[in-house]
PDB file of all heavy atoms in Angstrom:
ATOM      1  N   THR A   1      -1.704  26.821 -33.721  1.00  0.00           N
ATOM      2  CA  THR A   1      -3.005  27.214 -34.337  1.00  0.00           C
ATOM      3  C   THR A   1      -3.360  26.233 -35.443  1.00  0.00           C
ATOM      4  O   THR A   1      -2.448  25.711 -36.130  1.00  0.00           O
ATOM      5  CB  THR A   1      -3.107  28.610 -34.748  1.00  0.00           C
ATOM      6  OG1 THR A   1      -4.444  29.034 -35.180  1.00  0.00           O
ATOM      7  CG2 THR A   1      -2.135  28.967 -35.823  1.00  0.00           C
ATOM      8  N   SER A   2      -4.630  26.269 -35.764  1.00  0.00           N
ATOM      9  CA  SER A   2      -5.083  25.559 -36.933  1.00  0.00           C
ATOM     10  C   SER A   2      -5.153  26.464 -38.172  1.00  0.00           C
ATOM     11  O   SER A   2      -5.254  26.131 -39.329  1.00  0.00           O
ATOM     12  CB  SER A   2      -6.454  24.913 -36.829  1.00  0.00           C
ATOM     13  OG  SER A   2      -7.432  25.872 -36.543  1.00  0.00           O
ATOM     14  N   ASN A   3      -5.245  27.759 -37.860  1.00  0.00           N
ATOM     15  CA  ASN A   3      -5.390  28.826 -38.850  1.00  0.00           C
ATOM     16  C   ASN A   3      -4.018  29.438 -39.232  1.00  0.00           C
ATOM     17  O   ASN A   3      -3.662  30.528 -38.661  1.00  0.00           O
ATOM     18  CB  ASN A   3      -6.300  29.931 -38.275  1.00  0.00           C
ATOM     19  CG  ASN A   3      -6.750  30.968 -39.414  1.00  0.00           C
ATOM     20  OD1 ASN A   3      -6.275  30.885 -40.500  1.00  0.00           O
ATOM     21  ND2 ASN A   3      -7.672  31.857 -38.981  1.00  0.00           N
ATOM     22  N   ILE A   4      -3.287  28.794 -40.129  1.00  0.00           N
ATOM     23  CA  ILE A   4      -1.965  29.154 -40.414  1.00  0.00           C
ATOM     24  C   ILE A   4      -1.912  30.352 -41.341  1.00  0.00           C
ATOM     25  O   ILE A   4      -0.812  30.982 -41.554  1.00  0.00           O
ATOM     26  CB  ILE A   4      -1.097  28.060 -41.072  1.00  0.00           C
ATOM     27  CG1 ILE A   4      -1.800  27.550 -42.327  1.00  0.00           C
ATOM     28  CG2 ILE A   4      -0.957  26.844 -40.117  1.00  0.00           C
ATOM     29  CD1 ILE A   4      -0.991  26.578 -43.086  1.00  0.00           C
ATOM     30  N   HIS A   5      -3.120  30.849 -41.787  1.00  0.00           N
ATOM     31  CA  HIS A   5      -3.070  32.041 -42.716  1.00  0.00           C
ATOM     32  C   HIS A   5      -3.609  33.243 -41.999  1.00  0.00           C
ATOM     33  O   HIS A   5      -3.702  34.404 -42.480  1.00  0.00           O
ATOM     34  CB  HIS A   5      -3.986  31.854 -43.909  1.00  0.00           C
ATOM     35  CG  HIS A   5      -3.454  30.641 -44.662  1.00  0.00           C
ATOM     36  ND1 HIS A   5      -2.287  30.634 -45.441  1.00  0.00           N
ATOM     37  CD2 HIS A   5      -4.115  29.335 -45.054  1.00  0.00           C
ATOM     38  CE1 HIS A   5      -2.173  29.400 -46.078  1.00  0.00           C
ATOM     39  NE2 HIS A   5      -3.195  28.763 -45.803  1.00  0.00           N
ATOM     40  N   SER A   6      -3.767  33.159 -40.614  1.00  0.00           N
ATOM     41  CA  SER A   6      -4.270  34.213 -39.881  1.00  0.00           C
ATOM     42  C   SER A   6      -3.188  35.373 -39.707  1.00  0.00           C
ATOM     43  O   SER A   6      -1.936  35.028 -39.855  1.00  0.00           O
ATOM     44  CB  SER A   6      -4.649  33.681 -38.426  1.00  0.00           C
ATOM     45  OG  SER A   6      -3.614  33.196 -37.845  1.00  0.00           O
ATOM     46  N   LYS A   7      -3.630  36.529 -39.234  1.00  0.00           N
ATOM     47  CA  LYS A   7      -2.594  37.601 -39.050  1.00  0.00           C
ATOM     48  C   LYS A   7      -1.617  37.250 -37.980  1.00  0.00           C
ATOM     49  O   LYS A   7      -0.509  37.496 -38.000  1.00  0.00           O
ATOM     50  CB  LYS A   7      -3.414  38.844 -38.563  1.00  0.00           C
ATOM     51  CG  LYS A   7      -2.534  40.050 -38.420  1.00  0.00           C
ATOM     52  CD  LYS A   7      -3.326  41.258 -38.052  1.00  0.00           C
ATOM     53  CE  LYS A   7      -2.511  42.428 -37.747  1.00  0.00           C
ATOM     54  NZ  LYS A   7      -3.256  43.588 -37.346  1.00  0.00           N
ATOM     55  N   LEU A   8      -2.113  36.564 -36.878  1.00  0.00           N
ATOM     56  CA  LEU A   8      -1.294  36.103 -35.812  1.00  0.00           C
ATOM     57  C   LEU A   8      -0.199  35.044 -36.305  1.00  0.00           C
ATOM     58  O   LEU A   8       1.047  35.274 -35.964  1.00  0.00           O
ATOM     59  CB  LEU A   8      -2.025  35.549 -34.698  1.00  0.00           C
ATOM     60  CG  LEU A   8      -1.340  35.179 -33.421  1.00  0.00           C
ATOM     61  CD1 LEU A   8      -0.863  36.473 -32.738  1.00  0.00           C
ATOM     62  CD2 LEU A   8      -2.348  34.450 -32.408  1.00  0.00           C
ATOM     63  N   ALA A   9      -0.594  34.110 -37.109  1.00  0.00           N
ATOM     64  CA  ALA A   9       0.268  33.103 -37.595  1.00  0.00           C
ATOM     65  C   ALA A   9       1.329  33.726 -38.603  1.00  0.00           C
ATOM     66  O   ALA A   9       2.552  33.361 -38.447  1.00  0.00           O
ATOM     67  CB  ALA A   9      -0.392  31.986 -38.177  1.00  0.00           C
ATOM     68  N   VAL A  10       0.866  34.571 -39.466  1.00  0.00           N
ATOM     69  CA  VAL A  10       1.839  35.229 -40.401  1.00  0.00           C
ATOM     70  C   VAL A  10       2.905  36.001 -39.787  1.00  0.00           C
ATOM     71  O   VAL A  10       3.946  36.107 -40.312  1.00  0.00           O
ATOM     72  CB  VAL A  10       0.891  36.047 -41.425  1.00  0.00           C
ATOM     73  CG1 VAL A  10       1.776  36.868 -42.343  1.00  0.00           C
ATOM     74  CG2 VAL A  10       0.010  35.110 -42.294  1.00  0.00           C
ATOM     75  N   ASN A  11       2.451  36.609 -38.618  1.00  0.00           N
ATOM     76  CA  ASN A  11       3.480  37.542 -37.972  1.00  0.00           C
ATOM     77  C   ASN A  11       4.265  36.787 -36.873  1.00  0.00           C
ATOM     78  O   ASN A  11       5.020  37.394 -36.157  1.00  0.00           O
ATOM     79  CB  ASN A  11       2.688  38.751 -37.304  1.00  0.00           C
ATOM     80  CG  ASN A  11       2.306  39.708 -38.402  1.00  0.00           C
ATOM     81  OD1 ASN A  11       3.090  40.631 -38.761  1.00  0.00           O
ATOM     82  ND2 ASN A  11       1.076  39.657 -38.822  1.00  0.00           N
ATOM     83  N   SER A  12       4.186  35.519 -36.874  1.00  0.00           N
ATOM     84  CA  SER A  12       4.882  34.688 -35.882  1.00  0.00           C
ATOM     85  C   SER A  12       6.249  34.121 -36.604  1.00  0.00           C
ATOM     86  O   SER A  12       6.313  33.900 -37.743  1.00  0.00           O
ATOM     87  CB  SER A  12       4.050  33.506 -35.473  1.00  0.00           C
ATOM     88  OG  SER A  12       2.928  33.920 -34.729  1.00  0.00           O
ATOM     89  N   ASP A  13       7.175  33.943 -35.618  1.00  0.00           N
ATOM     90  CA  ASP A  13       8.451  33.402 -36.176  1.00  0.00           C
ATOM     91  C   ASP A  13       8.405  31.943 -36.356  1.00  0.00           C
ATOM     92  O   ASP A  13       9.016  31.335 -37.277  1.00  0.00           O
ATOM     93  CB  ASP A  13       9.565  33.669 -35.028  1.00  0.00           C
ATOM     94  CG  ASP A  13       9.698  35.151 -34.811  1.00  0.00           C
ATOM     95  OD1 ASP A  13      10.404  35.851 -35.694  1.00  0.00           O
ATOM     96  OD2 ASP A  13       9.323  35.676 -33.758  1.00  0.00           O
ATOM     97  N   ILE A  14       7.542  31.205 -35.605  1.00  0.00           N
ATOM     98  CA  ILE A  14       7.333  29.825 -35.776  1.00  0.00           C
ATOM     99  C   ILE A  14       5.975  29.532 -35.623  1.00  0.00           C
ATOM    100  O   ILE A  14       5.226  30.042 -34.735  1.00  0.00           O
ATOM    101  CB  ILE A  14       8.184  28.951 -34.735  1.00  0.00           C
ATOM    102  CG1 ILE A  14       9.630  29.130 -34.916  1.00  0.00           C
ATOM    103  CG2 ILE A  14       7.800  27.596 -34.725  1.00  0.00           C
ATOM    104  CD1 ILE A  14      10.462  28.543 -33.831  1.00  0.00           C
ATOM    105  N   VAL A  15       5.300  28.713 -36.514  1.00  0.00           N
ATOM    106  CA  VAL A  15       3.954  28.316 -36.438  1.00  0.00           C
ATOM    107  C   VAL A  15       3.888  26.703 -36.280  1.00  0.00           C
ATOM    108  O   VAL A  15       4.430  25.993 -37.255  1.00  0.00           O
ATOM    109  CB  VAL A  15       3.136  28.774 -37.628  1.00  0.00           C
ATOM    110  CG1 VAL A  15       1.746  28.284 -37.536  1.00  0.00           C
ATOM    111  CG2 VAL A  15       3.100  30.305 -37.669  1.00  0.00           C
ATOM    112  N   LEU A  16       3.272  26.299 -35.310  1.00  0.00           N
ATOM    113  CA  LEU A  16       2.975  24.835 -35.158  1.00  0.00           C
ATOM    114  C   LEU A  16       1.552  24.536 -35.374  1.00  0.00           C
ATOM    115  O   LEU A  16       0.676  24.981 -34.645  1.00  0.00           O
ATOM    116  CB  LEU A  16       3.515  24.348 -33.661  1.00  0.00           C
ATOM    117  CG  LEU A  16       4.875  24.791 -33.287  1.00  0.00           C
ATOM    118  CD1 LEU A  16       5.124  24.375 -31.822  1.00  0.00           C
ATOM    119  CD2 LEU A  16       5.846  24.024 -34.274  1.00  0.00           C
ATOM    120  N   GLN A  17       1.337  23.786 -36.462  1.00  0.00           N
ATOM    121  CA  GLN A  17       0.002  23.645 -36.999  1.00  0.00           C
ATOM    122  C   GLN A  17      -0.798  22.617 -36.344  1.00  0.00           C
ATOM    123  O   GLN A  17      -0.447  21.424 -36.193  1.00  0.00           O
ATOM    124  CB  GLN A  17      -0.003  23.445 -38.556  1.00  0.00           C
ATOM    125  CG  GLN A  17      -1.247  23.430 -39.243  1.00  0.00           C
ATOM    126  CD  GLN A  17      -1.222  23.356 -40.664  1.00  0.00           C
ATOM    127  OE1 GLN A  17      -0.129  23.285 -41.261  1.00  0.00           O
ATOM    128  NE2 GLN A  17      -2.411  23.203 -41.332  1.00  0.00           N
ATOM    129  N   LEU A  18      -2.044  22.923 -36.085  1.00  0.00           N
ATOM    130  CA  LEU A  18      -3.047  21.958 -35.536  1.00  0.00           C
ATOM    131  C   LEU A  18      -3.930  21.609 -36.747  1.00  0.00           C
ATOM    132  O   LEU A  18      -4.206  22.378 -37.546  1.00  0.00           O
ATOM    133  CB  LEU A  18      -3.935  22.549 -34.432  1.00  0.00           C
ATOM    134  CG  LEU A  18      -3.340  22.901 -33.165  1.00  0.00           C
ATOM    135  CD1 LEU A  18      -4.157  23.898 -32.360  1.00  0.00           C
ATOM    136  CD2 LEU A  18      -3.100  21.622 -32.339  1.00  0.00           C
ATOM    137  N   PRO A  19      -4.487  20.320 -36.730  1.00  0.00           N
ATOM    138  CA  PRO A  19      -5.468  19.962 -37.787  1.00  0.00           C
ATOM    139  C   PRO A  19      -6.725  20.819 -37.688  1.00  0.00           C
ATOM    140  O   PRO A  19      -7.061  21.153 -36.496  1.00  0.00           O
ATOM    141  CB  PRO A  19      -5.813  18.506 -37.458  1.00  0.00           C
ATOM    142  CG  PRO A  19      -4.660  18.005 -36.676  1.00  0.00           C
ATOM    143  CD  PRO A  19      -4.140  19.235 -35.870  1.00  0.00           C
ATOM    144  N   ASP A  20      -7.305  21.132 -38.794  1.00  0.00           N
ATOM    145  CA  ASP A  20      -8.518  21.971 -38.823  1.00  0.00           C
ATOM    146  C   ASP A  20      -9.780  21.022 -38.969  1.00  0.00           C
ATOM    147  O   ASP A  20     -10.348  21.050 -40.002  1.00  0.00           O
ATOM    148  CB  ASP A  20      -8.490  22.966 -39.973  1.00  0.00           C
ATOM    149  CG  ASP A  20      -9.617  23.918 -39.914  1.00  0.00           C
ATOM    150  OD1 ASP A  20     -10.358  23.942 -38.904  1.00  0.00           O
ATOM    151  OD2 ASP A  20      -9.848  24.721 -40.876  1.00  0.00           O
ATOM    152  N   ASP A  21     -10.184  20.262 -37.923  1.00  0.00           N
ATOM    153  CA  ASP A  21     -11.114  19.339 -38.007  1.00  0.00           C
ATOM    154  C   ASP A  21     -12.491  19.716 -37.393  1.00  0.00           C
ATOM    155  O   ASP A  21     -13.537  19.115 -37.667  1.00  0.00           O
ATOM    156  CB  ASP A  21     -10.687  17.945 -37.426  1.00  0.00           C
ATOM    157  CG  ASP A  21      -9.605  17.336 -38.153  1.00  0.00           C
ATOM    158  OD1 ASP A  21      -9.788  17.292 -39.378  1.00  0.00           O
ATOM    159  OD2 ASP A  21      -8.689  16.829 -37.583  1.00  0.00           O
ATOM    160  N   GLU A  22     -12.385  20.726 -36.376  1.00  0.00           N
ATOM    161  CA  GLU A  22     -13.518  20.938 -35.585  1.00  0.00           C
ATOM    162  C   GLU A  22     -14.243  22.337 -36.106  1.00  0.00           C
ATOM    163  O   GLU A  22     -13.578  23.231 -36.495  1.00  0.00           O
ATOM    164  CB  GLU A  22     -13.201  21.023 -34.193  1.00  0.00           C
ATOM    165  CG  GLU A  22     -12.780  19.762 -33.532  1.00  0.00           C
ATOM    166  CD  GLU A  22     -12.291  19.852 -32.112  1.00  0.00           C
ATOM    167  OE1 GLU A  22     -12.208  21.015 -31.593  1.00  0.00           O
ATOM    168  OE2 GLU A  22     -12.189  18.836 -31.450  1.00  0.00           O
ATOM    169  N   SER A  23     -15.580  22.304 -36.048  1.00  0.00           N
ATOM    170  CA  SER A  23     -16.347  23.451 -36.354  1.00  0.00           C
ATOM    171  C   SER A  23     -16.723  24.158 -34.969  1.00  0.00           C
ATOM    172  O   SER A  23     -17.004  23.553 -33.985  1.00  0.00           O
ATOM    173  CB  SER A  23     -17.615  23.087 -37.008  1.00  0.00           C
ATOM    174  OG  SER A  23     -18.608  24.158 -36.991  1.00  0.00           O
ATOM    175  N   PHE A  24     -16.669  25.471 -35.124  1.00  0.00           N
ATOM    176  CA  PHE A  24     -16.882  26.316 -33.873  1.00  0.00           C
ATOM    177  C   PHE A  24     -18.375  26.237 -33.473  1.00  0.00           C
ATOM    178  O   PHE A  24     -18.726  26.308 -32.295  1.00  0.00           O
ATOM    179  CB  PHE A  24     -16.623  27.763 -34.147  1.00  0.00           C
ATOM    180  CG  PHE A  24     -15.092  28.033 -34.445  1.00  0.00           C
ATOM    181  CD1 PHE A  24     -14.690  28.321 -35.767  1.00  0.00           C
ATOM    182  CD2 PHE A  24     -14.180  27.993 -33.429  1.00  0.00           C
ATOM    183  CE1 PHE A  24     -13.362  28.522 -35.953  1.00  0.00           C
ATOM    184  CE2 PHE A  24     -12.875  28.182 -33.664  1.00  0.00           C
ATOM    185  CZ  PHE A  24     -12.400  28.402 -34.895  1.00  0.00           C
ATOM    186  N   ASP A  25     -19.348  25.972 -34.456  1.00  0.00           N
ATOM    187  CA  ASP A  25     -20.691  25.971 -34.247  1.00  0.00           C
ATOM    188  C   ASP A  25     -21.258  24.600 -33.878  1.00  0.00           C
ATOM    189  O   ASP A  25     -22.259  24.492 -33.176  1.00  0.00           O
ATOM    190  CB  ASP A  25     -21.475  26.675 -35.370  1.00  0.00           C
ATOM    191  CG  ASP A  25     -21.013  28.050 -35.676  1.00  0.00           C
ATOM    192  OD1 ASP A  25     -20.697  28.764 -34.697  1.00  0.00           O
ATOM    193  OD2 ASP A  25     -20.959  28.358 -36.884  1.00  0.00           O
ATOM    194  N   GLU A  26     -20.648  23.576 -34.439  1.00  0.00           N
ATOM    195  CA  GLU A  26     -21.287  22.254 -34.358  1.00  0.00           C
ATOM    196  C   GLU A  26     -20.673  21.330 -33.341  1.00  0.00           C
ATOM    197  O   GLU A  26     -21.372  20.357 -32.980  1.00  0.00           O
ATOM    198  CB  GLU A  26     -21.243  21.606 -35.836  1.00  0.00           C
ATOM    199  CG  GLU A  26     -21.979  22.376 -36.854  1.00  0.00           C
ATOM    200  CD  GLU A  26     -21.852  21.744 -38.237  1.00  0.00           C
ATOM    201  OE1 GLU A  26     -21.283  20.559 -38.316  1.00  0.00           O
ATOM    202  OE2 GLU A  26     -22.323  22.318 -39.232  1.00  0.00           O
ATOM    203  N   LYS A  27     -19.506  21.539 -32.936  1.00  0.00           N
ATOM    204  CA  LYS A  27     -18.848  20.538 -32.115  1.00  0.00           C
ATOM    205  C   LYS A  27     -19.549  20.481 -30.732  1.00  0.00           C
ATOM    206  O   LYS A  27     -19.963  21.546 -30.149  1.00  0.00           O
ATOM    207  CB  LYS A  27     -17.289  20.867 -31.883  1.00  0.00           C
ATOM    208  CG  LYS A  27     -17.031  22.218 -31.229  1.00  0.00           C
ATOM    209  CD  LYS A  27     -15.514  22.439 -31.145  1.00  0.00           C
ATOM    210  CE  LYS A  27     -15.237  23.784 -30.575  1.00  0.00           C
ATOM    211  NZ  LYS A  27     -13.869  24.105 -30.497  1.00  0.00           N
ATOM    212  N   VAL A  28     -19.607  19.347 -30.160  1.00  0.00           N
ATOM    213  CA  VAL A  28     -20.099  19.125 -28.772  1.00  0.00           C
ATOM    214  C   VAL A  28     -19.161  19.371 -27.646  1.00  0.00           C
ATOM    215  O   VAL A  28     -19.434  19.683 -26.607  1.00  0.00           O
ATOM    216  CB  VAL A  28     -20.677  17.753 -28.672  1.00  0.00           C
ATOM    217  CG1 VAL A  28     -21.921  17.440 -29.629  1.00  0.00           C
ATOM    218  CG2 VAL A  28     -19.743  16.583 -28.848  1.00  0.00           C
ATOM    219  N   ALA A  29     -17.865  19.294 -28.091  1.00  0.00           N
ATOM    220  CA  ALA A  29     -16.744  19.559 -27.130  1.00  0.00           C
ATOM    221  C   ALA A  29     -15.424  19.649 -27.991  1.00  0.00           C
ATOM    222  O   ALA A  29     -15.342  19.119 -29.179  1.00  0.00           O
ATOM    223  CB  ALA A  29     -16.589  18.571 -26.086  1.00  0.00           C
ATOM    224  N   SER A  30     -14.388  20.218 -27.426  1.00  0.00           N
ATOM    225  CA  SER A  30     -13.086  20.273 -28.093  1.00  0.00           C
ATOM    226  C   SER A  30     -12.275  19.029 -27.819  1.00  0.00           C
ATOM    227  O   SER A  30     -11.128  19.099 -27.301  1.00  0.00           O
ATOM    228  CB  SER A  30     -12.327  21.548 -27.602  1.00  0.00           C
ATOM    229  OG  SER A  30     -13.145  22.666 -27.716  1.00  0.00           O
ATOM    230  N   PHE A  31     -12.843  17.865 -28.225  1.00  0.00           N
ATOM    231  CA  PHE A  31     -12.197  16.624 -27.913  1.00  0.00           C
ATOM    232  C   PHE A  31     -10.778  16.560 -28.553  1.00  0.00           C
ATOM    233  O   PHE A  31      -9.810  16.444 -27.926  1.00  0.00           O
ATOM    234  CB  PHE A  31     -13.078  15.559 -28.395  1.00  0.00           C
ATOM    235  CG  PHE A  31     -14.315  15.229 -27.577  1.00  0.00           C
ATOM    236  CD1 PHE A  31     -15.509  15.242 -28.198  1.00  0.00           C
ATOM    237  CD2 PHE A  31     -14.307  15.085 -26.202  1.00  0.00           C
ATOM    238  CE1 PHE A  31     -16.734  15.024 -27.507  1.00  0.00           C
ATOM    239  CE2 PHE A  31     -15.421  14.837 -25.515  1.00  0.00           C
ATOM    240  CZ  PHE A  31     -16.626  14.877 -26.201  1.00  0.00           C
ATOM    241  N   ALA A  32     -10.829  16.616 -29.970  1.00  0.00           N
ATOM    242  CA  ALA A  32      -9.555  16.330 -30.658  1.00  0.00           C
ATOM    243  C   ALA A  32      -8.603  17.553 -30.568  1.00  0.00           C
ATOM    244  O   ALA A  32      -7.403  17.304 -30.323  1.00  0.00           O
ATOM    245  CB  ALA A  32      -9.845  16.070 -32.112  1.00  0.00           C
TER     246      ALA A  32
END
């Protein structure tokens, strides 16, 4: 996930972080 402070991430044993580059509202597609 890109949201390493989320409830799901905090309760995980391992978190593999994605860059937080894309906006949910503005992106034309999930390219990156």
